[in-house]
């Protein structure tokens, strides 16, 4: 006899099936489309560089902040190198100098006529940063820019000796392998406002961008300036070191940013009054995320197909917490 429910029997209680709540519709932003400026260049899928160029990715970017400054940089391979399977020959590096609160930086553009200038650009940046950080720690005065440049040039000579099996290279051999431009320096805080000190060898450039007006002030002579009757493509790069190197020192205002770039950026920028200048002035009015800077720098514009590198430093509100 089966006992009635509740009298010594057990009854399985089924939990009603509950449907999962509906997933709300999302409005994901569309994938980034390449930025075009004026008439775009041809579109194609990038080709891989040679098999021994794996250390030089198509695109690099970095970004971070200290108590005093925010830094961003990006470097992208140009359309010409993407099409002809050549590696990116630009490089950029930056480091915080913690004892002074400064930011050291270096930007280089390997000369296309040198067979391995991509290595020269990277090593010149590394060597310049090493020396700037050392000198900044050893002395509170101005940097000895010739010392920094010679240190970078010696790194290229060491690289050439290794490449030549230990034989002492001739100056022309070093240049033929690793010639590169270089802009390097430091931004450091001072009571009256941040001070920028930098030098260059070759034709890479630097500017002060006024964040309120969008105007660019070039810190070195311009090869495309209105005062120049002819545009020269002649470059005297590392390992040559002039005495003294071309240099500049300027105080950075609260509503200004330092920009340093290779000619892949400076050539389409011109004097900053055109479409490229307006585009970057708008997007650099405050620090963008690093990946967006790289995307922006990879804009498409007819006839401008060189590698592009841009490094930017903004002063921060020093009342912000550390």
C-alpha atoms as a PDB file:
ATOM      1  CA  UNK A   1       0.000   0.000   0.000  1.00  0.00           C
ATOM      2  CA  UNK A   2       1.382   3.362  -0.925  1.00  0.00           C
ATOM      3  CA  UNK A   3       1.237   5.823   1.916  1.00  0.00           C
ATOM      4  CA  UNK A   4      -0.412   9.142   1.200  1.00  0.00           C
ATOM      5  CA  UNK A   5       1.776  12.108   0.653  1.00  0.00           C
ATOM      6  CA  UNK A   6       2.949  13.656   3.855  1.00  0.00           C
ATOM      7  CA  UNK A   7       2.668  10.426   5.791  1.00  0.00           C
ATOM      8  CA  UNK A   8       6.087   8.821   5.683  1.00  0.00           C
ATOM      9  CA  UNK A   9       6.572   9.362   2.007  1.00  0.00           C
ATOM     10  CA  UNK A  10       8.910  11.705   0.106  1.00  0.00           C
ATOM     11  CA  UNK A  11       7.813  13.668  -2.897  1.00  0.00           C
ATOM     12  CA  UNK A  12      10.200  15.230  -5.428  1.00  0.00           C
ATOM     13  CA  UNK A  13       9.551  18.928  -5.837  1.00  0.00           C
ATOM     14  CA  UNK A  14      10.475  20.269  -9.246  1.00  0.00           C
ATOM     15  CA  UNK A  15      11.846  23.777  -9.493  1.00  0.00           C
ATOM     16  CA  UNK A  16      10.093  25.691 -12.245  1.00  0.00           C
ATOM     17  CA  UNK A  17      12.348  26.281 -15.245  1.00  0.00           C
ATOM     18  CA  UNK A  18      13.530  29.886 -15.378  1.00  0.00           C
ATOM     19  CA  UNK A  19      14.631  31.417 -18.627  1.00  0.00           C
ATOM     20  CA  UNK A  20      17.792  33.461 -18.699  1.00  0.00           C
ATOM     21  CA  UNK A  21      17.092  37.168 -18.843  1.00  0.00           C
ATOM     22  CA  UNK A  22      17.316  38.572 -22.344  1.00  0.00           C
ATOM     23  CA  UNK A  23      20.717  39.915 -23.294  1.00  0.00           C
ATOM     24  CA  UNK A  24      20.409  43.638 -23.871  1.00  0.00           C
ATOM     25  CA  UNK A  25      21.299  44.820 -27.313  1.00  0.00           C
ATOM     26  CA  UNK A  26      24.733  46.432 -27.479  1.00  0.00           C
ATOM     27  CA  UNK A  27      25.783  49.274 -29.679  1.00  0.00           C
ATOM     28  CA  UNK A  28      29.434  48.465 -30.252  1.00  0.00           C
ATOM     29  CA  UNK A  29      31.334  51.142 -32.114  1.00  0.00           C
ATOM     30  CA  UNK A  30      32.247  50.221 -35.677  1.00  0.00           C
ATOM     31  CA  UNK A  31      35.812  49.052 -36.341  1.00  0.00           C
ATOM     32  CA  UNK A  32      38.306  51.826 -36.854  1.00  0.00           C
ATOM     33  CA  UNK A  33      38.557  52.935 -40.425  1.00  0.00           C
ATOM     34  CA  UNK A  34      41.798  54.439 -41.626  1.00  0.00           C
ATOM     35  CA  UNK A  35      41.867  58.217 -41.288  1.00  0.00           C
ATOM     36  CA  UNK A  36      42.154  59.996 -44.630  1.00  0.00           C
ATOM     37  CA  UNK A  37      43.448  63.507 -45.138  1.00  0.00           C
ATOM     38  CA  UNK A  38      42.647  65.100 -48.473  1.00  0.00           C
ATOM     39  CA  UNK A  39      43.160  62.676 -51.352  1.00  0.00           C
ATOM     40  CA  UNK A  40      43.974  59.247 -49.864  1.00  0.00           C
ATOM     41  CA  UNK A  41      46.794  57.028 -51.020  1.00  0.00           C
ATOM     42  CA  UNK A  42      46.182  53.539 -52.460  1.00  0.00           C
ATOM     43  CA  UNK A  43      44.819  50.907 -50.074  1.00  0.00           C
ATOM     44  CA  UNK A  44      46.371  47.434 -49.928  1.00  0.00           C
ATOM     45  CA  UNK A  45      47.176  44.756 -47.378  1.00  0.00           C
ATOM     46  CA  UNK A  46      50.667  45.259 -45.957  1.00  0.00           C
ATOM     47  CA  UNK A  47      53.278  42.727 -47.070  1.00  0.00           C
ATOM     48  CA  UNK A  48      55.590  41.123 -44.508  1.00  0.00           C
ATOM     49  CA  UNK A  49      59.119  42.505 -44.259  1.00  0.00           C
ATOM     50  CA  UNK A  50      62.087  40.244 -44.915  1.00  0.00           C
ATOM     51  CA  UNK A  51      62.460  37.191 -42.723  1.00  0.00           C
ATOM     52  CA  UNK A  52      65.251  38.728 -40.641  1.00  0.00           C
ATOM     53  CA  UNK A  53      63.279  41.894 -39.833  1.00  0.00           C
ATOM     54  CA  UNK A  54      61.082  40.244 -37.197  1.00  0.00           C
ATOM     55  CA  UNK A  55      62.340  42.625 -34.487  1.00  0.00           C
ATOM     56  CA  UNK A  56      60.716  45.581 -36.227  1.00  0.00           C
ATOM     57  CA  UNK A  57      56.923  45.328 -36.044  1.00  0.00           C
ATOM     58  CA  UNK A  58      54.768  47.372 -38.357  1.00  0.00           C
ATOM     59  CA  UNK A  59      53.539  49.581 -35.489  1.00  0.00           C
ATOM     60  CA  UNK A  60      54.703  50.426 -31.968  1.00  0.00           C
ATOM     61  CA  UNK A  61      53.151  52.712 -29.375  1.00  0.00           C
ATOM     62  CA  UNK A  62      53.667  53.558 -25.716  1.00  0.00           C
ATOM     63  CA  UNK A  63      52.177  55.845 -23.109  1.00  0.00           C
ATOM     64  CA  UNK A  64      52.401  56.603 -19.401  1.00  0.00           C
ATOM     65  CA  UNK A  65      52.336  59.453 -16.889  1.00  0.00           C
ATOM     66  CA  UNK A  66      54.577  60.654 -14.090  1.00  0.00           C
ATOM     67  CA  UNK A  67      53.641  63.178 -11.418  1.00  0.00           C
ATOM     68  CA  UNK A  68      54.710  66.017 -13.723  1.00  0.00           C
ATOM     69  CA  UNK A  69      54.234  64.786 -17.312  1.00  0.00           C
ATOM     70  CA  UNK A  70      52.204  62.585 -19.637  1.00  0.00           C
ATOM     71  CA  UNK A  71      53.984  60.902 -22.534  1.00  0.00           C
ATOM     72  CA  UNK A  72      52.721  59.245 -25.685  1.00  0.00           C
ATOM     73  CA  UNK A  73      54.555  58.001 -28.738  1.00  0.00           C
ATOM     74  CA  UNK A  74      53.788  55.945 -31.810  1.00  0.00           C
ATOM     75  CA  UNK A  75      55.811  54.832 -34.798  1.00  0.00           C
ATOM     76  CA  UNK A  76      54.268  53.228 -37.903  1.00  0.00           C
ATOM     77  CA  UNK A  77      55.605  51.701 -41.097  1.00  0.00           C
ATOM     78  CA  UNK A  78      54.918  53.741 -44.196  1.00  0.00           C
ATOM     79  CA  UNK A  79      53.063  52.557 -47.288  1.00  0.00           C
ATOM     80  CA  UNK A  80      56.255  52.352 -49.352  1.00  0.00           C
ATOM     81  CA  UNK A  81      57.925  49.971 -46.923  1.00  0.00           C
ATOM     82  CA  UNK A  82      54.703  47.971 -46.543  1.00  0.00           C
ATOM     83  CA  UNK A  83      54.489  47.470 -50.283  1.00  0.00           C
ATOM     84  CA  UNK A  84      58.159  46.673 -50.945  1.00  0.00           C
ATOM     85  CA  UNK A  85      58.503  44.320 -47.951  1.00  0.00           C
ATOM     86  CA  UNK A  86      60.921  46.557 -46.073  1.00  0.00           C
ATOM     87  CA  UNK A  87      60.938  47.018 -42.280  1.00  0.00           C
ATOM     88  CA  UNK A  88      60.033  50.188 -40.469  1.00  0.00           C
ATOM     89  CA  UNK A  89      63.193  52.311 -40.181  1.00  0.00           C
ATOM     90  CA  UNK A  90      61.895  54.789 -37.575  1.00  0.00           C
ATOM     91  CA  UNK A  91      62.311  54.277 -33.843  1.00  0.00           C
ATOM     92  CA  UNK A  92      61.365  56.023 -30.590  1.00  0.00           C
ATOM     93  CA  UNK A  93      62.189  55.412 -26.943  1.00  0.00           C
ATOM     94  CA  UNK A  94      61.397  57.259 -23.696  1.00  0.00           C
ATOM     95  CA  UNK A  95      62.122  56.827 -20.001  1.00  0.00           C
ATOM     96  CA  UNK A  96      61.270  58.565 -16.739  1.00  0.00           C
ATOM     97  CA  UNK A  97      64.167  60.032 -14.744  1.00  0.00           C
ATOM     98  CA  UNK A  98      62.795  59.457 -11.287  1.00  0.00           C
ATOM     99  CA  UNK A  99      65.184  61.558  -9.183  1.00  0.00           C
ATOM    100  CA  UNK A 100      64.432  64.766 -11.118  1.00  0.00           C
ATOM    101  CA  UNK A 101      60.891  63.972 -12.267  1.00  0.00           C
ATOM    102  CA  UNK A 102      61.976  64.472 -15.871  1.00  0.00           C
ATOM    103  CA  UNK A 103      61.291  62.524 -19.043  1.00  0.00           C
ATOM    104  CA  UNK A 104      64.133  61.548 -21.398  1.00  0.00           C
ATOM    105  CA  UNK A 105      63.318  60.763 -25.018  1.00  0.00           C
ATOM    106  CA  UNK A 106      64.858  59.894 -28.357  1.00  0.00           C
ATOM    107  CA  UNK A 107      63.440  59.663 -31.883  1.00  0.00           C
ATOM    108  CA  UNK A 108      65.394  58.366 -34.886  1.00  0.00           C
ATOM    109  CA  UNK A 109      64.833  57.875 -38.598  1.00  0.00           C
ATOM    110  CA  UNK A 110      67.094  55.358 -40.321  1.00  0.00           C
ATOM    111  CA  UNK A 111      68.464  56.707 -43.598  1.00  0.00           C
ATOM    112  CA  UNK A 112      67.040  54.722 -46.503  1.00  0.00           C
ATOM    113  CA  UNK A 113      70.370  54.453 -48.325  1.00  0.00           C
ATOM    114  CA  UNK A 114      71.918  52.537 -45.390  1.00  0.00           C
ATOM    115  CA  UNK A 115      71.473  48.780 -45.680  1.00  0.00           C
ATOM    116  CA  UNK A 116      70.484  48.171 -42.034  1.00  0.00           C
ATOM    117  CA  UNK A 117      69.347  51.576 -40.862  1.00  0.00           C
ATOM    118  CA  UNK A 118      66.464  50.082 -38.866  1.00  0.00           C
ATOM    119  CA  UNK A 119      69.071  48.672 -36.467  1.00  0.00           C
ATOM    120  CA  UNK A 120      70.905  51.999 -36.427  1.00  0.00           C
ATOM    121  CA  UNK A 121      67.751  53.904 -35.469  1.00  0.00           C
ATOM    122  CA  UNK A 122      66.925  51.610 -32.555  1.00  0.00           C
ATOM    123  CA  UNK A 123      70.487  51.513 -31.229  1.00  0.00           C
ATOM    124  CA  UNK A 124      70.895  55.286 -31.524  1.00  0.00           C
ATOM    125  CA  UNK A 125      67.749  55.774 -29.424  1.00  0.00           C
ATOM    126  CA  UNK A 126      68.887  53.270 -26.823  1.00  0.00           C
ATOM    127  CA  UNK A 127      72.373  54.743 -26.539  1.00  0.00           C
ATOM    128  CA  UNK A 128      71.108  58.328 -26.366  1.00  0.00           C
ATOM    129  CA  UNK A 129      68.664  57.461 -23.577  1.00  0.00           C
ATOM    130  CA  UNK A 130      71.341  55.608 -21.614  1.00  0.00           C
ATOM    131  CA  UNK A 131      73.662  58.598 -21.762  1.00  0.00           C
ATOM    132  CA  UNK A 132      70.989  61.215 -21.016  1.00  0.00           C
ATOM    133  CA  UNK A 133      69.821  59.302 -17.946  1.00  0.00           C
ATOM    134  CA  UNK A 134      73.408  58.902 -16.751  1.00  0.00           C
ATOM    135  CA  UNK A 135      74.273  62.575 -17.235  1.00  0.00           C
ATOM    136  CA  UNK A 136      71.013  63.721 -15.654  1.00  0.00           C
ATOM    137  CA  UNK A 137      71.875  61.708 -12.550  1.00  0.00           C
ATOM    138  CA  UNK A 138      75.490  62.853 -12.441  1.00  0.00           C
ATOM    139  CA  UNK A 139      74.853  66.564 -12.918  1.00  0.00           C
ATOM    140  CA  UNK A 140      71.995  68.984 -12.356  1.00  0.00           C
ATOM    141  CA  UNK A 141      73.248  71.345 -15.076  1.00  0.00           C
ATOM    142  CA  UNK A 142      72.483  71.347 -18.763  1.00  0.00           C
ATOM    143  CA  UNK A 143      73.160  68.229 -20.755  1.00  0.00           C
ATOM    144  CA  UNK A 144      76.314  67.907 -22.839  1.00  0.00           C
ATOM    145  CA  UNK A 145      74.618  67.114 -26.124  1.00  0.00           C
ATOM    146  CA  UNK A 146      77.846  66.419 -27.983  1.00  0.00           C
ATOM    147  CA  UNK A 147      78.638  63.804 -25.348  1.00  0.00           C
ATOM    148  CA  UNK A 148      75.224  62.185 -25.893  1.00  0.00           C
ATOM    149  CA  UNK A 149      75.613  62.253 -29.676  1.00  0.00           C
ATOM    150  CA  UNK A 150      79.125  60.786 -29.532  1.00  0.00           C
ATOM    151  CA  UNK A 151      77.864  58.002 -27.289  1.00  0.00           C
ATOM    152  CA  UNK A 152      75.182  57.155 -29.862  1.00  0.00           C
ATOM    153  CA  UNK A 153      77.693  57.335 -32.725  1.00  0.00           C
ATOM    154  CA  UNK A 154      80.056  55.014 -30.878  1.00  0.00           C
ATOM    155  CA  UNK A 155      77.224  52.502 -30.484  1.00  0.00           C
ATOM    156  CA  UNK A 156      76.835  52.482 -34.265  1.00  0.00           C
ATOM    157  CA  UNK A 157      80.585  51.946 -34.694  1.00  0.00           C
ATOM    158  CA  UNK A 158      80.448  49.033 -32.239  1.00  0.00           C
ATOM    159  CA  UNK A 159      77.565  47.551 -34.193  1.00  0.00           C
ATOM    160  CA  UNK A 160      79.554  47.877 -37.425  1.00  0.00           C
ATOM    161  CA  UNK A 161      82.626  46.222 -35.863  1.00  0.00           C
ATOM    162  CA  UNK A 162      80.467  43.285 -34.845  1.00  0.00           C
ATOM    163  CA  UNK A 163      78.947  43.110 -38.333  1.00  0.00           C
ATOM    164  CA  UNK A 164      82.400  43.179 -39.944  1.00  0.00           C
ATOM    165  CA  UNK A 165      83.745  40.387 -37.777  1.00  0.00           C
ATOM    166  CA  UNK A 166      85.781  42.567 -35.430  1.00  0.00           C
ATOM    167  CA  UNK A 167      87.489  44.682 -38.072  1.00  0.00           C
ATOM    168  CA  UNK A 168      87.679  48.419 -37.363  1.00  0.00           C
ATOM    169  CA  UNK A 169      85.191  50.009 -39.787  1.00  0.00           C
ATOM    170  CA  UNK A 170      85.839  53.064 -41.891  1.00  0.00           C
ATOM    171  CA  UNK A 171      83.447  55.990 -41.227  1.00  0.00           C
ATOM    172  CA  UNK A 172      81.802  55.428 -44.583  1.00  0.00           C
ATOM    173  CA  UNK A 173      81.181  51.783 -43.748  1.00  0.00           C
ATOM    174  CA  UNK A 174      79.377  52.693 -40.523  1.00  0.00           C
ATOM    175  CA  UNK A 175      77.158  55.147 -42.374  1.00  0.00           C
ATOM    176  CA  UNK A 176      76.564  52.671 -45.174  1.00  0.00           C
ATOM    177  CA  UNK A 177      75.237  50.159 -42.676  1.00  0.00           C
ATOM    178  CA  UNK A 178      73.519  52.116 -39.897  1.00  0.00           C
ATOM    179  CA  UNK A 179      73.146  55.827 -40.732  1.00  0.00           C
ATOM    180  CA  UNK A 180      70.269  57.466 -38.881  1.00  0.00           C
ATOM    181  CA  UNK A 181      68.926  60.821 -37.807  1.00  0.00           C
ATOM    182  CA  UNK A 182      68.433  61.503 -34.105  1.00  0.00           C
ATOM    183  CA  UNK A 183      66.491  63.914 -31.914  1.00  0.00           C
ATOM    184  CA  UNK A 184      67.029  63.403 -28.191  1.00  0.00           C
ATOM    185  CA  UNK A 185      66.667  65.351 -24.989  1.00  0.00           C
ATOM    186  CA  UNK A 186      64.823  65.750 -21.734  1.00  0.00           C
ATOM    187  CA  UNK A 187      61.818  67.581 -20.278  1.00  0.00           C
ATOM    188  CA  UNK A 188      62.232  68.344 -16.591  1.00  0.00           C
ATOM    189  CA  UNK A 189      60.149  70.230 -14.046  1.00  0.00           C
ATOM    190  CA  UNK A 190      61.284  73.574 -12.657  1.00  0.00           C
ATOM    191  CA  UNK A 191      59.523  76.038 -10.332  1.00  0.00           C
ATOM    192  CA  UNK A 192      58.964  78.497 -13.196  1.00  0.00           C
ATOM    193  CA  UNK A 193      57.645  75.783 -15.489  1.00  0.00           C
ATOM    194  CA  UNK A 194      58.966  72.712 -17.343  1.00  0.00           C
ATOM    195  CA  UNK A 195      62.128  73.126 -19.394  1.00  0.00           C
ATOM    196  CA  UNK A 196      62.794  71.258 -22.634  1.00  0.00           C
ATOM    197  CA  UNK A 197      66.393  70.677 -23.747  1.00  0.00           C
ATOM    198  CA  UNK A 198      67.033  68.732 -26.921  1.00  0.00           C
ATOM    199  CA  UNK A 199      69.341  68.366 -29.913  1.00  0.00           C
ATOM    200  CA  UNK A 200      69.127  66.914 -33.367  1.00  0.00           C
ATOM    201  CA  UNK A 201      71.358  65.373 -36.004  1.00  0.00           C
ATOM    202  CA  UNK A 202      69.756  65.138 -39.425  1.00  0.00           C
ATOM    203  CA  UNK A 203      66.325  66.400 -40.449  1.00  0.00           C
ATOM    204  CA  UNK A 204      63.917  65.046 -37.845  1.00  0.00           C
ATOM    205  CA  UNK A 205      61.970  67.819 -36.131  1.00  0.00           C
ATOM    206  CA  UNK A 206      60.456  69.134 -32.909  1.00  0.00           C
ATOM    207  CA  UNK A 207      57.650  71.593 -32.187  1.00  0.00           C
ATOM    208  CA  UNK A 208      55.816  73.323 -29.379  1.00  0.00           C
ATOM    209  CA  UNK A 209      52.084  72.878 -29.925  1.00  0.00           C
ATOM    210  CA  UNK A 210      49.856  75.545 -28.394  1.00  0.00           C
ATOM    211  CA  UNK A 211      46.868  73.572 -27.152  1.00  0.00           C
ATOM    212  CA  UNK A 212      44.533  76.567 -27.123  1.00  0.00           C
ATOM    213  CA  UNK A 213      45.235  77.930 -30.615  1.00  0.00           C
ATOM    214  CA  UNK A 214      46.449  74.790 -32.401  1.00  0.00           C
ATOM    215  CA  UNK A 215      49.571  76.601 -33.617  1.00  0.00           C
ATOM    216  CA  UNK A 216      52.898  74.813 -34.093  1.00  0.00           C
ATOM    217  CA  UNK A 217      56.239  76.469 -33.338  1.00  0.00           C
ATOM    218  CA  UNK A 218      59.190  74.605 -34.800  1.00  0.00           C
ATOM    219  CA  UNK A 219      62.256  74.401 -32.580  1.00  0.00           C
ATOM    220  CA  UNK A 220      64.765  73.802 -35.383  1.00  0.00           C
ATOM    221  CA  UNK A 221      65.149  75.220 -38.858  1.00  0.00           C
ATOM    222  CA  UNK A 222      62.567  73.920 -41.324  1.00  0.00           C
ATOM    223  CA  UNK A 223      63.533  72.465 -44.672  1.00  0.00           C
ATOM    224  CA  UNK A 224      60.056  73.462 -45.914  1.00  0.00           C
ATOM    225  CA  UNK A 225      59.871  76.882 -44.300  1.00  0.00           C
ATOM    226  CA  UNK A 226      58.676  79.838 -46.315  1.00  0.00           C
ATOM    227  CA  UNK A 227      62.098  81.493 -46.036  1.00  0.00           C
ATOM    228  CA  UNK A 228      63.799  78.587 -47.830  1.00  0.00           C
ATOM    229  CA  UNK A 229      63.914  79.141 -51.629  1.00  0.00           C
ATOM    230  CA  UNK A 230      64.609  75.428 -52.230  1.00  0.00           C
ATOM    231  CA  UNK A 231      63.690  72.242 -50.389  1.00  0.00           C
ATOM    232  CA  UNK A 232      66.738  70.075 -49.663  1.00  0.00           C
ATOM    233  CA  UNK A 233      66.611  66.346 -48.995  1.00  0.00           C
ATOM    234  CA  UNK A 234      70.297  66.220 -48.056  1.00  0.00           C
ATOM    235  CA  UNK A 235      70.863  64.739 -44.595  1.00  0.00           C
ATOM    236  CA  UNK A 236      74.075  64.491 -42.557  1.00  0.00           C
ATOM    237  CA  UNK A 237      73.181  61.754 -40.080  1.00  0.00           C
ATOM    238  CA  UNK A 238      74.895  59.770 -37.377  1.00  0.00           C
ATOM    239  CA  UNK A 239      77.641  58.553 -37.076  1.00  0.00           C
ATOM    240  CA  UNK A 240      78.643  62.096 -38.073  1.00  0.00           C
ATOM    241  CA  UNK A 241      78.521  64.394 -35.024  1.00  0.00           C
ATOM    242  CA  UNK A 242      78.762  68.158 -35.638  1.00  0.00           C
ATOM    243  CA  UNK A 243      80.455  70.399 -33.094  1.00  0.00           C
ATOM    244  CA  UNK A 244      78.219  71.574 -31.585  1.00  0.00           C
ATOM    245  CA  UNK A 245      75.054  69.664 -32.511  1.00  0.00           C
ATOM    246  CA  UNK A 246      72.036  71.776 -33.365  1.00  0.00           C
ATOM    247  CA  UNK A 247      70.144  72.222 -30.101  1.00  0.00           C
ATOM    248  CA  UNK A 248      67.319  74.136 -28.450  1.00  0.00           C
ATOM    249  CA  UNK A 249      66.147  75.054 -24.958  1.00  0.00           C
ATOM    250  CA  UNK A 250      62.617  76.300 -24.260  1.00  0.00           C
ATOM    251  CA  UNK A 251      60.227  76.602 -21.346  1.00  0.00           C
ATOM    252  CA  UNK A 252      56.966  74.696 -21.766  1.00  0.00           C
ATOM    253  CA  UNK A 253      53.772  76.540 -20.857  1.00  0.00           C
ATOM    254  CA  UNK A 254      50.822  75.015 -19.036  1.00  0.00           C
ATOM    255  CA  UNK A 255      48.786  74.884 -22.265  1.00  0.00           C
ATOM    256  CA  UNK A 256      51.559  73.628 -24.510  1.00  0.00           C
ATOM    257  CA  UNK A 257      52.893  70.229 -25.524  1.00  0.00           C
ATOM    258  CA  UNK A 258      56.251  69.150 -26.896  1.00  0.00           C
ATOM    259  CA  UNK A 259      56.137  67.174 -30.154  1.00  0.00           C
ATOM    260  CA  UNK A 260      59.073  65.332 -31.709  1.00  0.00           C
ATOM    261  CA  UNK A 261      58.724  63.594 -35.053  1.00  0.00           C
ATOM    262  CA  UNK A 262      60.465  62.208 -38.104  1.00  0.00           C
ATOM    263  CA  UNK A 263      60.068  63.688 -41.568  1.00  0.00           C
ATOM    264  CA  UNK A 264      57.334  61.176 -42.338  1.00  0.00           C
ATOM    265  CA  UNK A 265      55.226  63.339 -40.034  1.00  0.00           C
ATOM    266  CA  UNK A 266      56.854  66.738 -40.579  1.00  0.00           C
ATOM    267  CA  UNK A 267      56.591  66.683 -44.378  1.00  0.00           C
ATOM    268  CA  UNK A 268      52.773  66.345 -44.511  1.00  0.00           C
ATOM    269  CA  UNK A 269      52.480  68.656 -41.484  1.00  0.00           C
ATOM    270  CA  UNK A 270      54.344  71.500 -43.206  1.00  0.00           C
ATOM    271  CA  UNK A 271      53.910  74.712 -41.232  1.00  0.00           C
ATOM    272  CA  UNK A 272      50.918  73.242 -39.393  1.00  0.00           C
ATOM    273  CA  UNK A 273      48.306  75.444 -41.084  1.00  0.00           C
ATOM    274  CA  UNK A 274      46.819  72.710 -43.269  1.00  0.00           C
ATOM    275  CA  UNK A 275      44.579  69.703 -42.799  1.00  0.00           C
ATOM    276  CA  UNK A 276      47.220  67.532 -41.119  1.00  0.00           C
ATOM    277  CA  UNK A 277      48.032  70.275 -38.618  1.00  0.00           C
ATOM    278  CA  UNK A 278      44.357  70.776 -37.789  1.00  0.00           C
ATOM    279  CA  UNK A 279      43.800  67.023 -37.398  1.00  0.00           C
ATOM    280  CA  UNK A 280      46.618  66.558 -34.900  1.00  0.00           C
ATOM    281  CA  UNK A 281      45.995  69.804 -33.031  1.00  0.00           C
ATOM    282  CA  UNK A 282      42.441  68.613 -32.401  1.00  0.00           C
ATOM    283  CA  UNK A 283      43.369  65.107 -31.277  1.00  0.00           C
ATOM    284  CA  UNK A 284      46.394  66.185 -29.225  1.00  0.00           C
ATOM    285  CA  UNK A 285      44.561  68.867 -27.248  1.00  0.00           C
ATOM    286  CA  UNK A 286      44.699  66.273 -24.462  1.00  0.00           C
ATOM    287  CA  UNK A 287      46.667  63.013 -24.323  1.00  0.00           C
ATOM    288  CA  UNK A 288      44.948  60.297 -26.408  1.00  0.00           C
ATOM    289  CA  UNK A 289      45.241  56.609 -25.626  1.00  0.00           C
ATOM    290  CA  UNK A 290      48.474  55.275 -27.191  1.00  0.00           C
ATOM    291  CA  UNK A 291      46.705  52.969 -29.654  1.00  0.00           C
ATOM    292  CA  UNK A 292      44.618  55.877 -30.955  1.00  0.00           C
ATOM    293  CA  UNK A 293      47.749  57.960 -31.545  1.00  0.00           C
ATOM    294  CA  UNK A 294      49.184  55.096 -33.610  1.00  0.00           C
ATOM    295  CA  UNK A 295      45.927  54.813 -35.568  1.00  0.00           C
ATOM    296  CA  UNK A 296      45.834  58.558 -36.163  1.00  0.00           C
ATOM    297  CA  UNK A 297      49.476  58.658 -37.251  1.00  0.00           C
ATOM    298  CA  UNK A 298      48.743  56.029 -39.882  1.00  0.00           C
ATOM    299  CA  UNK A 299      46.547  58.457 -41.833  1.00  0.00           C
ATOM    300  CA  UNK A 300      46.308  58.063 -45.585  1.00  0.00           C
ATOM    301  CA  UNK A 301      47.274  60.950 -47.824  1.00  0.00           C
ATOM    302  CA  UNK A 302      48.355  60.801 -51.427  1.00  0.00           C
ATOM    303  CA  UNK A 303      52.163  60.967 -52.058  1.00  0.00           C
ATOM    304  CA  UNK A 304      53.093  60.742 -48.348  1.00  0.00           C
ATOM    305  CA  UNK A 305      54.249  57.151 -47.885  1.00  0.00           C
ATOM    306  CA  UNK A 306      57.235  57.335 -45.506  1.00  0.00           C
ATOM    307  CA  UNK A 307      57.474  55.810 -42.027  1.00  0.00           C
ATOM    308  CA  UNK A 308      56.008  58.150 -39.405  1.00  0.00           C
ATOM    309  CA  UNK A 309      56.955  58.668 -35.774  1.00  0.00           C
ATOM    310  CA  UNK A 310      55.536  61.153 -33.291  1.00  0.00           C
ATOM    311  CA  UNK A 311      56.389  61.572 -29.605  1.00  0.00           C
ATOM    312  CA  UNK A 312      54.463  64.009 -27.402  1.00  0.00           C
ATOM    313  CA  UNK A 313      54.873  65.247 -23.823  1.00  0.00           C
ATOM    314  CA  UNK A 314      52.207  67.222 -21.944  1.00  0.00           C
ATOM    315  CA  UNK A 315      52.740  68.939 -18.561  1.00  0.00           C
ATOM    316  CA  UNK A 316      50.365  67.691 -15.876  1.00  0.00           C
ATOM    317  CA  UNK A 317      48.632  69.574 -13.099  1.00  0.00           C
ATOM    318  CA  UNK A 318      51.227  69.128 -10.334  1.00  0.00           C
ATOM    319  CA  UNK A 319      48.486  69.426  -7.776  1.00  0.00           C
ATOM    320  CA  UNK A 320      47.337  65.947  -8.814  1.00  0.00           C
ATOM    321  CA  UNK A 321      48.166  63.181  -6.334  1.00  0.00           C
ATOM    322  CA  UNK A 322      51.301  61.148  -6.923  1.00  0.00           C
END
